[in-house]
Protein backbone atom coordinates (compact mmCIF):
# COMPACT_ATOMS: atom_id res chain seq x y z
CA MET A 1 -21.26 -9.89 -24.57
CA ILE A 2 -21.98 -6.17 -25.01
CA LEU A 3 -18.59 -5.07 -25.61
CA ILE A 4 -17.83 -7.64 -28.46
CA ASN A 5 -21.13 -7.20 -30.35
CA ASN A 6 -21.71 -3.48 -29.87
CA ALA A 7 -19.56 -1.42 -32.19
CA LYS A 8 -19.98 1.71 -29.91
CA GLU A 9 -18.84 -0.17 -26.90
CA ARG A 10 -15.87 -1.61 -28.93
CA GLU A 11 -15.09 2.03 -29.98
CA ARG A 12 -15.27 3.24 -26.34
CA PHE A 13 -12.93 0.34 -25.24
CA LEU A 14 -10.45 1.02 -27.79
CA LYS A 15 -10.46 4.77 -26.79
CA PHE A 16 -10.17 3.86 -23.12
CA ALA A 17 -7.22 1.67 -24.08
CA ALA A 18 -5.56 4.55 -25.97
CA VAL A 19 -6.16 6.77 -22.90
CA GLY A 20 -4.67 4.06 -20.86
CA VAL A 21 -1.55 4.02 -23.06
CA ILE A 22 -1.11 7.74 -22.46
CA GLY A 23 -1.53 7.18 -18.87
CA ALA A 24 0.92 4.23 -18.91
CA VAL A 25 3.44 6.16 -20.64
CA ILE A 26 2.85 8.97 -17.80
CA ASP A 27 2.99 6.25 -15.04
CA PHE A 28 6.02 4.48 -16.22
CA GLY A 29 7.87 7.80 -16.86
CA VAL A 30 7.20 9.28 -13.44
CA MET A 31 7.75 6.12 -11.68
CA ASN A 32 11.22 5.68 -13.38
CA LEU A 33 11.98 9.22 -12.65
CA LEU A 34 11.19 8.87 -9.13
CA THR A 35 12.87 5.62 -8.63
CA GLN A 36 16.15 6.46 -10.31
CA ALA A 37 16.58 10.22 -9.82
CA ALA A 38 15.02 10.67 -6.39
CA ASP A 39 15.74 6.94 -5.24
CA LEU A 40 12.16 6.69 -4.01
CA SER A 41 10.70 3.04 -3.25
CA LEU A 42 8.63 1.51 -5.80
CA VAL A 43 5.41 1.62 -3.72
CA LEU A 44 5.77 5.44 -3.10
CA ALA A 45 7.06 6.27 -6.67
CA GLY A 46 4.28 4.08 -8.03
CA THR A 47 1.68 5.79 -5.98
CA ILE A 48 2.67 9.22 -7.24
CA SER A 49 2.91 8.21 -10.73
CA PHE A 50 -0.49 6.57 -10.50
CA ILE A 51 -2.07 9.82 -9.39
CA CYS A 52 -0.53 11.59 -12.25
CA ALA A 53 -1.75 9.05 -14.66
CA VAL A 54 -5.23 9.02 -13.28
CA THR A 55 -5.52 12.63 -13.68
CA SER A 56 -4.47 12.58 -17.24
CA ASN A 57 -7.00 9.65 -17.80
CA PHE A 58 -10.01 11.46 -16.20
CA VAL A 59 -9.56 14.44 -18.56
CA TRP A 60 -9.09 12.31 -21.60
CA ASN A 61 -12.04 10.01 -20.70
CA ARG A 62 -14.26 12.77 -19.89
CA TYR A 63 -13.73 14.70 -23.12
CA TRP A 64 -12.90 11.98 -25.55
CA THR A 65 -13.99 8.47 -24.67
CA TYR A 66 -17.21 9.55 -23.16
CA PRO A 67 -18.13 12.90 -24.39
CA ASP A 68 -21.69 12.16 -24.18
CA SER A 69 -21.30 11.41 -20.19
CA ARG A 70 -21.63 15.00 -19.23
CA SER A 71 -25.17 14.81 -17.53
CA ARG A 72 -23.45 14.78 -14.09
CA PRO A 73 -21.40 17.61 -12.98
CA ILE A 74 -17.63 17.29 -13.47
CA SER A 75 -16.95 17.32 -9.71
CA ARG A 76 -19.33 14.41 -9.09
CA GLN A 77 -17.80 12.40 -12.02
CA LEU A 78 -14.40 13.21 -10.95
CA VAL A 79 -15.33 11.88 -7.42
CA MET A 80 -16.75 8.71 -8.85
CA PHE A 81 -13.87 8.27 -11.12
CA PHE A 82 -11.42 8.75 -8.14
CA ALA A 83 -13.30 6.30 -6.14
CA VAL A 84 -13.06 3.68 -8.77
CA ASN A 85 -9.27 4.44 -8.96
CA VAL A 86 -8.87 4.33 -5.12
CA ALA A 87 -10.04 0.82 -5.34
CA GLY A 88 -7.54 0.36 -8.24
CA ILE A 89 -4.72 1.43 -6.30
CA ALA A 90 -5.78 -0.78 -3.37
CA ILE A 91 -5.51 -3.54 -6.00
CA ARG A 92 -2.05 -2.04 -7.31
CA ILE A 93 0.02 -1.40 -4.21
CA PRO A 94 -0.03 -5.35 -3.00
CA ILE A 95 0.86 -6.31 -6.50
CA LEU A 96 3.95 -3.79 -6.36
CA HIS A 97 4.85 -4.74 -2.81
CA PHE A 98 4.74 -8.62 -3.26
CA VAL A 99 5.62 -9.15 -6.86
CA GLU A 100 8.98 -7.11 -7.17
CA PRO A 101 11.11 -8.87 -4.70
CA PRO A 102 10.62 -12.37 -5.90
CA LEU A 103 10.91 -11.21 -9.38
CA ILE A 104 14.32 -9.48 -8.66
CA SER A 105 15.51 -12.74 -7.42
CA PHE A 106 14.17 -14.73 -10.42
CA LEU A 107 15.67 -12.19 -12.78
CA GLU A 108 19.13 -12.22 -10.94
CA GLY A 109 18.83 -16.11 -11.10
CA MET A 110 18.35 -15.86 -14.90
CA GLY A 111 21.49 -13.61 -15.39
CA PHE A 112 19.89 -10.27 -15.95
CA HIS A 113 22.00 -8.49 -13.27
CA SER A 114 24.82 -8.19 -15.59
CA SER A 115 23.31 -7.07 -18.96
CA LEU A 116 20.23 -5.12 -17.67
CA PRO A 117 19.90 -4.55 -14.00
CA SER A 118 17.28 -6.87 -12.65
CA GLU A 119 16.03 -4.30 -10.19
CA PHE A 120 15.03 -1.99 -13.06
CA LEU A 121 13.59 -4.77 -15.04
CA ALA A 122 11.71 -6.22 -12.07
CA LYS A 123 10.19 -2.81 -11.28
CA ASN A 124 8.92 -2.32 -14.81
CA LEU A 125 7.61 -5.84 -15.16
CA THR A 126 5.93 -5.38 -11.74
CA LEU A 127 4.34 -1.99 -12.73
CA ALA A 128 3.18 -3.69 -16.19
CA LEU A 129 1.34 -6.46 -14.31
CA ALA A 130 -0.33 -3.92 -12.04
CA VAL A 131 -1.34 -1.67 -14.98
CA GLY A 132 -2.94 -4.59 -16.87
CA ILE A 133 -4.99 -5.79 -14.09
CA VAL A 134 -6.16 -2.54 -12.76
CA MET A 135 -6.99 -1.30 -16.33
CA LEU A 136 -9.45 -4.15 -16.53
CA TRP A 137 -11.00 -3.32 -13.17
CA ASN A 138 -11.08 0.45 -14.16
CA PHE A 139 -12.77 0.08 -17.64
CA PHE A 140 -15.51 -2.10 -16.61
CA VAL A 141 -16.47 -0.32 -13.33
CA ASN A 142 -16.02 3.14 -14.82
CA ARG A 143 -18.22 2.19 -17.88
CA TYR A 144 -21.08 0.79 -15.79
CA TRP A 145 -21.00 3.08 -12.79
CA THR A 146 -19.27 6.52 -13.60
CA TYR A 147 -20.20 6.72 -17.24
CA ASN A 148 -23.56 4.80 -17.02
CA ASP A 149 -25.38 7.66 -18.33
CA VAL A 150 -24.42 6.94 -21.74
CA ASP A 151 -26.38 4.46 -24.13
């Protein structure tokens, strides 16, 4: 496997993961703010938070993870990155929509409704699952399509 045996690819993956952590902090922060303070649904808040995180991730990946990938104009690379992330959001939204309700029921059955609101915990666990799945998609597709101009 190229990722495991190639030190440069491991470094890129670790940088991509670090950028992902920054994006996840933005994602979780905006989602929690919008669901708690603005009372938006998880799907709407999660979509807005995703767009905020993707914007941050593009900038970080363009200038830090893949600084040697600037043979394309920034506008073209942004469109490619955005397209990958549109597919990512298409993966993400069904996870947010279908996983949260049964998870709330499960957590309430486990007694989380009294000590930690089960709805809050379910929203965050659902988002964590979606973020993990979409991160793997994003790394591999971006690496071999959006940033395929690097060695």
